[in-house]
Structure formats: C-alpha cells, structure tokens
PDB file of N, CA and C in Angstrom:
ATOM      1  N   MET A   1     103.988  86.535  91.354  1.00  0.00           N
ATOM      2  CA  MET A   1     102.930  87.509  91.222  1.00  0.00           C
ATOM      3  C   MET A   1     103.516  88.895  91.429  1.00  0.00           C
ATOM      4  N   ARG A   2     103.183  89.819  90.542  1.00  0.00           N
ATOM      5  CA  ARG A   2     103.699  91.172  90.653  1.00  0.00           C
ATOM      6  C   ARG A   2     102.853  92.000  91.603  1.00  0.00           C
ATOM      7  N   LYS A   3     103.517  92.976  92.248  1.00  0.00           N
ATOM      8  CA  LYS A   3     102.833  93.863  93.193  1.00  0.00           C
ATOM      9  C   LYS A   3     101.932  94.829  92.437  1.00  0.00           C
ATOM     10  N   LYS A   4     100.690  94.913  92.845  1.00  0.00           N
ATOM     11  CA  LYS A   4      99.709  95.860  92.318  1.00  0.00           C
ATOM     12  C   LYS A   4      98.878  96.329  93.498  1.00  0.00           C
ATOM     13  N   ASP A   5      97.951  97.226  93.243  1.00  0.00           N
ATOM     14  CA  ASP A   5      97.053  97.588  94.330  1.00  0.00           C
ATOM     15  C   ASP A   5      95.884  96.602  94.365  1.00  0.00           C
ATOM     16  N   ALA A   6      95.167  96.584  95.467  1.00  0.00           N
ATOM     17  CA  ALA A   6      94.089  95.609  95.664  1.00  0.00           C
ATOM     18  C   ALA A   6      93.006  95.740  94.604  1.00  0.00           C
ATOM     19  N   GLN A   7      92.777  96.941  94.085  1.00  0.00           N
ATOM     20  CA  GLN A   7      91.724  97.145  93.104  1.00  0.00           C
ATOM     21  C   GLN A   7      92.036  96.482  91.776  1.00  0.00           C
ATOM     22  N   SER A   8      93.308  96.255  91.469  1.00  0.00           N
ATOM     23  CA  SER A   8      93.667  95.699  90.171  1.00  0.00           C
ATOM     24  C   SER A   8      93.503  94.180  90.111  1.00  0.00           C
ATOM     25  N   TYR A   9      93.260  93.535  91.226  1.00  0.00           N
ATOM     26  CA  TYR A   9      92.973  92.103  91.227  1.00  0.00           C
ATOM     27  C   TYR A   9      91.465  91.931  91.155  1.00  0.00           C
ATOM     28  N   HIS A  10      90.984  91.484  90.007  1.00  0.00           N
ATOM     29  CA  HIS A  10      89.548  91.371  89.776  1.00  0.00           C
ATOM     30  C   HIS A  10      89.070  89.984  90.201  1.00  0.00           C
ATOM     31  N   VAL A  11      88.991  89.779  91.489  1.00  0.00           N
ATOM     32  CA  VAL A  11      88.632  88.466  92.018  1.00  0.00           C
ATOM     33  C   VAL A  11      87.323  88.476  92.805  1.00  0.00           C
ATOM     34  N   MET A  12      86.740  89.632  93.003  1.00  0.00           N
ATOM     35  CA  MET A  12      85.498  89.706  93.777  1.00  0.00           C
ATOM     36  C   MET A  12      84.427  88.832  93.129  1.00  0.00           C
ATOM     37  N   GLY A  13      83.812  87.979  93.949  1.00  0.00           N
ATOM     38  CA  GLY A  13      82.745  87.108  93.467  1.00  0.00           C
ATOM     39  C   GLY A  13      83.239  85.825  92.823  1.00  0.00           C
ATOM     40  N   MET A  14      84.556  85.671  92.656  1.00  0.00           N
ATOM     41  CA  MET A  14      85.097  84.442  92.068  1.00  0.00           C
ATOM     42  C   MET A  14      85.041  83.305  93.077  1.00  0.00           C
ATOM     43  N   THR A  15      84.938  82.089  92.576  1.00  0.00           N
ATOM     44  CA  THR A  15      84.999  80.916  93.425  1.00  0.00           C
ATOM     45  C   THR A  15      86.465  80.593  93.723  1.00  0.00           C
ATOM     46  N   LYS A  16      86.685  79.693  94.668  1.00  0.00           N
ATOM     47  CA  LYS A  16      88.054  79.294  95.015  1.00  0.00           C
ATOM     48  C   LYS A  16      88.762  78.693  93.800  1.00  0.00           C
ATOM     49  N   LYS A  17      88.059  77.904  93.027  1.00  0.00           N
ATOM     50  CA  LYS A  17      88.638  77.283  91.831  1.00  0.00           C
ATOM     51  C   LYS A  17      89.066  78.357  90.825  1.00  0.00           C
ATOM     52  N   GLU A  18      88.230  79.362  90.612  1.00  0.00           N
ATOM     53  CA  GLU A  18      88.557  80.445  89.677  1.00  0.00           C
ATOM     54  C   GLU A  18      89.755  81.254  90.175  1.00  0.00           C
ATOM     55  N   VAL A  19      89.840  81.487  91.488  1.00  0.00           N
ATOM     56  CA  VAL A  19      90.978  82.212  92.057  1.00  0.00           C
ATOM     57  C   VAL A  19      92.253  81.408  91.854  1.00  0.00           C
ATOM     58  N   GLN A  20      92.194  80.106  92.062  1.00  0.00           N
ATOM     59  CA  GLN A  20      93.362  79.251  91.843  1.00  0.00           C
ATOM     60  C   GLN A  20      93.838  79.337  90.397  1.00  0.00           C
ATOM     61  N   GLU A  21      92.918  79.351  89.465  1.00  0.00           N
ATOM     62  CA  GLU A  21      93.279  79.440  88.048  1.00  0.00           C
ATOM     63  C   GLU A  21      93.888  80.798  87.719  1.00  0.00           C
ATOM     64  N   GLU A  22      93.390  81.852  88.351  1.00  0.00           N
ATOM     65  CA  GLU A  22      93.854  83.218  88.081  1.00  0.00           C
ATOM     66  C   GLU A  22      95.173  83.538  88.778  1.00  0.00           C
ATOM     67  N   LEU A  23      95.301  83.195  90.064  1.00  0.00           N
ATOM     68  CA  LEU A  23      96.456  83.605  90.858  1.00  0.00           C
ATOM     69  C   LEU A  23      97.396  82.466  91.246  1.00  0.00           C
ATOM     70  N   GLY A  24      96.980  81.233  91.012  1.00  0.00           N
ATOM     71  CA  GLY A  24      97.807  80.086  91.387  1.00  0.00           C
ATOM     72  C   GLY A  24      97.426  79.557  92.754  1.00  0.00           C
ATOM     73  N   ASP A  25      98.124  78.483  93.151  1.00  0.00           N
ATOM     74  CA  ASP A  25      97.816  77.842  94.427  1.00  0.00           C
ATOM     75  C   ASP A  25      98.343  78.613  95.624  1.00  0.00           C
ATOM     76  N   GLY A  26      99.509  79.216  95.481  1.00  0.00           N
ATOM     77  CA  GLY A  26     100.119  79.864  96.636  1.00  0.00           C
ATOM     78  C   GLY A  26     100.375  78.814  97.703  1.00  0.00           C
ATOM     79  N   PHE A  27     100.262  79.192  98.957  1.00  0.00           N
ATOM     80  CA  PHE A  27     100.427  78.256 100.064  1.00  0.00           C
ATOM     81  C   PHE A  27      99.123  78.158 100.833  1.00  0.00           C
ATOM     82  N   ASN A  28      98.019  78.167 100.118  1.00  0.00           N
ATOM     83  CA  ASN A  28      96.704  78.193 100.747  1.00  0.00           C
ATOM     84  C   ASN A  28      96.138  76.785 100.895  1.00  0.00           C
ATOM     85  N   PHE A  29      95.481  76.559 102.037  1.00  0.00           N
ATOM     86  CA  PHE A  29      94.773  75.317 102.305  1.00  0.00           C
ATOM     87  C   PHE A  29      93.357  75.497 101.765  1.00  0.00           C
ATOM     88  N   TYR A  30      92.959  74.656 100.814  1.00  0.00           N
ATOM     89  CA  TYR A  30      91.711  74.864 100.077  1.00  0.00           C
ATOM     90  C   TYR A  30      90.488  75.115 100.969  1.00  0.00           C
ATOM     91  N   PRO A  31      90.267  74.371 102.048  1.00  0.00           N
ATOM     92  CA  PRO A  31      89.062  74.600 102.866  1.00  0.00           C
ATOM     93  C   PRO A  31      89.053  75.909 103.669  1.00  0.00           C
ATOM     94  N   ASP A  32      90.220  76.575 103.829  1.00  0.00           N
ATOM     95  CA  ASP A  32      90.259  77.824 104.601  1.00  0.00           C
ATOM     96  C   ASP A  32      89.381  78.898 103.969  1.00  0.00           C
ATOM     97  N   ASN A  33      88.844  79.779 104.806  1.00  0.00           N
ATOM     98  CA  ASN A  33      88.022  80.886 104.321  1.00  0.00           C
ATOM     99  C   ASN A  33      88.827  82.158 104.100  1.00  0.00           C
ATOM    100  N   VAL A  34      90.107  82.166 104.484  1.00  0.00           N
ATOM    101  CA  VAL A  34      90.994  83.302 104.221  1.00  0.00           C
ATOM    102  C   VAL A  34      92.224  82.770 103.493  1.00  0.00           C
ATOM    103  N   TRP A  35      92.470  83.293 102.302  1.00  0.00           N
ATOM    104  CA  TRP A  35      93.650  82.930 101.529  1.00  0.00           C
ATOM    105  C   TRP A  35      94.541  84.146 101.437  1.00  0.00           C
ATOM    106  N   TYR A  36      95.831  83.932 101.247  1.00  0.00           N
ATOM    107  CA  TYR A  36      96.758  85.045 101.087  1.00  0.00           C
ATOM    108  C   TYR A  36      97.766  84.742  99.992  1.00  0.00           C
ATOM    109  N   TYR A  37      98.214  85.799  99.346  1.00  0.00           N
ATOM    110  CA  TYR A  37      99.225  85.726  98.309  1.00  0.00           C
ATOM    111  C   TYR A  37     100.274  86.782  98.596  1.00  0.00           C
ATOM    112  N   GLU A  38     101.526  86.359  98.723  1.00  0.00           N
ATOM    113  CA  GLU A  38     102.612  87.309  98.966  1.00  0.00           C
ATOM    114  C   GLU A  38     102.943  88.005  97.650  1.00  0.00           C
ATOM    115  N   LEU A  39     102.821  89.328  97.639  1.00  0.00           N
ATOM    116  CA  LEU A  39     103.065  90.105  96.433  1.00  0.00           C
ATOM    117  C   LEU A  39     104.517  90.533  96.316  1.00  0.00           C
ATOM    118  N   SER A  40     105.125  90.888  97.452  1.00  0.00           N
ATOM    119  CA  SER A  40     106.532  91.303  97.439  1.00  0.00           C
ATOM    120  C   SER A  40     107.117  91.184  98.838  1.00  0.00           C
ATOM    121  N   LYS A  41     108.447  91.223  98.878  1.00  0.00           N
ATOM    122  CA  LYS A  41     109.176  91.175 100.149  1.00  0.00           C
ATOM    123  C   LYS A  41     110.448  91.993  99.964  1.00  0.00           C
ATOM    124  N   ASN A  42     110.716  92.901 100.897  1.00  0.00           N
ATOM    125  CA  ASN A  42     111.948  93.684 100.781  1.00  0.00           C
ATOM    126  C   ASN A  42     113.026  93.092 101.685  1.00  0.00           C
ATOM    127  N   TRP A  43     114.189  93.660 101.646  1.00  0.00           N
ATOM    128  CA  TRP A  43     115.322  93.091 102.387  1.00  0.00           C
ATOM    129  C   TRP A  43     115.207  93.249 103.894  1.00  0.00           C
ATOM    130  N   TRP A  44     114.294  94.094 104.371  1.00  0.00           N
ATOM    131  CA  TRP A  44     114.038  94.213 105.807  1.00  0.00           C
ATOM    132  C   TRP A  44     113.069  93.144 106.295  1.00  0.00           C
ATOM    133  N   GLY A  45     112.512  92.389 105.398  1.00  0.00           N
ATOM    134  CA  GLY A  45     111.541  91.355 105.766  1.00  0.00           C
ATOM    135  C   GLY A  45     110.107  91.845 105.771  1.00  0.00           C
ATOM    136  N   ILE A  46     109.877  93.034 105.252  1.00  0.00           N
ATOM    137  CA  ILE A  46     108.504  93.542 105.171  1.00  0.00           C
ATOM    138  C   ILE A  46     107.853  92.947 103.927  1.00  0.00           C
ATOM    139  N   ARG A  47     106.723  92.289 104.138  1.00  0.00           N
ATOM    140  CA  ARG A  47     106.018  91.628 103.046  1.00  0.00           C
ATOM    141  C   ARG A  47     104.749  92.400 102.706  1.00  0.00           C
ATOM    142  N   THR A  48     104.430  92.448 101.429  1.00  0.00           N
ATOM    143  CA  THR A  48     103.157  92.980 100.973  1.00  0.00           C
ATOM    144  C   THR A  48     102.309  91.781 100.587  1.00  0.00           C
ATOM    145  N   VAL A  49     101.145  91.650 101.244  1.00  0.00           N
ATOM    146  CA  VAL A  49     100.331  90.442 101.114  1.00  0.00           C
ATOM    147  C   VAL A  49      98.905  90.809 100.712  1.00  0.00           C
ATOM    148  N   LEU A  50      98.394  90.089  99.713  1.00  0.00           N
ATOM    149  CA  LEU A  50      96.996  90.214  99.294  1.00  0.00           C
ATOM    150  C   LEU A  50      96.196  89.166 100.060  1.00  0.00           C
ATOM    151  N   PHE A  51      95.180  89.592 100.798  1.00  0.00           N
ATOM    152  CA  PHE A  51      94.299  88.684 101.525  1.00  0.00           C
ATOM    153  C   PHE A  51      92.950  88.611 100.820  1.00  0.00           C
ATOM    154  N   LEU A  52      92.424  87.407 100.716  1.00  0.00           N
ATOM    155  CA  LEU A  52      91.093  87.180 100.144  1.00  0.00           C
ATOM    156  C   LEU A  52      90.257  86.430 101.175  1.00  0.00           C
ATOM    157  N   GLU A  53      89.084  86.956 101.485  1.00  0.00           N
ATOM    158  CA  GLU A  53      88.172  86.292 102.411  1.00  0.00           C
ATOM    159  C   GLU A  53      87.004  85.733 101.609  1.00  0.00           C
ATOM    160  N   PHE A  54      86.675  84.477 101.884  1.00  0.00           N
ATOM    161  CA  PHE A  54      85.604  83.795 101.172  1.00  0.00           C
ATOM    162  C   PHE A  54      84.373  83.649 102.046  1.00  0.00           C
ATOM    163  N   GLU A  55      83.228  83.814 101.421  1.00  0.00           N
ATOM    164  CA  GLU A  55      81.945  83.564 102.070  1.00  0.00           C
ATOM    165  C   GLU A  55      81.109  82.773 101.074  1.00  0.00           C
ATOM    166  N   ASN A  56      80.635  81.615 101.476  1.00  0.00           N
ATOM    167  CA  ASN A  56      79.892  80.711 100.585  1.00  0.00           C
ATOM    168  C   ASN A  56      80.706  80.367  99.348  1.00  0.00           C
ATOM    169  N   ASP A  57      82.007  80.104  99.535  1.00  0.00           N
ATOM    170  CA  ASP A  57      82.933  79.694  98.481  1.00  0.00           C
ATOM    171  C   ASP A  57      83.185  80.767  97.410  1.00  0.00           C
ATOM    172  N   LYS A  58      82.866  82.027  97.703  1.00  0.00           N
ATOM    173  CA  LYS A  58      83.142  83.129  96.775  1.00  0.00           C
ATOM    174  C   LYS A  58      83.852  84.254  97.515  1.00  0.00           C
ATOM    175  N   VAL A  59      84.733  84.962  96.797  1.00  0.00           N
ATOM    176  CA  VAL A  59      85.479  86.062  97.406  1.00  0.00           C
ATOM    177  C   VAL A  59      84.502  87.161  97.805  1.00  0.00           C
ATOM    178  N   SER A  60      84.528  87.529  99.082  1.00  0.00           N
ATOM    179  CA  SER A  60      83.639  88.589  99.563  1.00  0.00           C
ATOM    180  C   SER A  60      84.421  89.835  99.971  1.00  0.00           C
ATOM    181  N   VAL A  61      85.698  89.659 100.379  1.00  0.00           N
ATOM    182  CA  VAL A  61      86.533  90.778 100.820  1.00  0.00           C
ATOM    183  C   VAL A  61      87.953  90.556 100.307  1.00  0.00           C
ATOM    184  N   LYS A  62      88.581  91.640  99.823  1.00  0.00           N
ATOM    185  CA  LYS A  62      90.001  91.577  99.456  1.00  0.00           C
ATOM    186  C   LYS A  62      90.691  92.821  99.984  1.00  0.00           C
ATOM    187  N   TYR A  63      91.934  92.644 100.460  1.00  0.00           N
ATOM    188  CA  TYR A  63      92.696  93.778 100.964  1.00  0.00           C
ATOM    189  C   TYR A  63      94.178  93.443 100.931  1.00  0.00           C
ATOM    190  N   ILE A  64      95.014  94.472 100.931  1.00  0.00           N
ATOM    191  CA  ILE A  64      96.458  94.316 100.938  1.00  0.00           C
ATOM    192  C   ILE A  64      96.998  94.899 102.224  1.00  0.00           C
ATOM    193  N   ARG A  65      97.914  94.159 102.862  1.00  0.00           N
ATOM    194  CA  ARG A  65      98.552  94.625 104.108  1.00  0.00           C
ATOM    195  C   ARG A  65     100.063  94.463 103.975  1.00  0.00           C
ATOM    196  N   ARG A  66     100.787  95.351 104.657  1.00  0.00           N
ATOM    197  CA  ARG A  66     102.228  95.216 104.789  1.00  0.00           C
ATOM    198  C   ARG A  66     102.492  94.604 106.144  1.00  0.00           C
ATOM    199  N   ILE A  67     103.267  93.514 106.167  1.00  0.00           N
ATOM    200  CA  ILE A  67     103.455  92.734 107.380  1.00  0.00           C
ATOM    201  C   ILE A  67     104.939  92.547 107.630  1.00  0.00           C
ATOM    202  N   VAL A  68     105.324  92.639 108.897  1.00  0.00           N
ATOM    203  CA  VAL A  68     106.694  92.339 109.302  1.00  0.00           C
ATOM    204  C   VAL A  68     106.671  90.976 109.980  1.00  0.00           C
ATOM    205  N   GLY A  69     107.501  90.066 109.532  1.00  0.00           N
ATOM    206  CA  GLY A  69     107.551  88.723 110.123  1.00  0.00           C
ATOM    207  C   GLY A  69     106.557  87.801 109.484  1.00  0.00           C
ATOM    208  N   LYS A  70     106.162  86.775 110.243  1.00  0.00           N
ATOM    209  CA  LYS A  70     105.262  85.759 109.721  1.00  0.00           C
ATOM    210  C   LYS A  70     103.843  86.287 109.628  1.00  0.00           C
ATOM    211  N   HIS A  71     103.102  85.756 108.671  1.00  0.00           N
ATOM    212  CA  HIS A  71     101.670  86.054 108.581  1.00  0.00           C
ATOM    213  C   HIS A  71     100.908  84.757 108.719  1.00  0.00           C
ATOM    214  N   LYS A  72      99.731  84.866 109.252  1.00  0.00           N
ATOM    215  CA  LYS A  72      98.803  83.778 109.528  1.00  0.00           C
ATOM    216  C   LYS A  72      98.939  83.220 110.875  1.00  0.00           C
TER     217      LYS A  72
END
C-alpha cells in the first residue's frame, strides 16, 4: 500500500468486507473494532500507519499516525 494522506482513503461507511476488498487483509483480526494498515516504514523504524475504527461493522473513524516501535 502506498503512503497517502488519510483523506485519500475513501473508506468511511464501508463494511469490514468492503475494506478487505479495497485495502487487503493486512494483519487484522476480523472481529476487532480497530484495524490498521502500515503505509510506510523508514530506516529509523518510524512507521506511518492508517487506523480504521469500526462501529456497527462500518468504518466510523480513520486517522494516520507516525509510530516508533510496535503498534497495537
């Protein structure tokens, strides 16, 4: 997955199945209400991660964070 800003991922209101078809499985556990997709990683170990929060099986919140080390 290429790095973009959070606004360019048109996933708001999508179901988990639709997100899987659009972005792939990633390393997400299907029943979880928060999914993440690693967009990039630099040589210092800083990762850019897209987070999706689900409410009633639909994306309700999306945001991108830069994280050092493990996430989740």
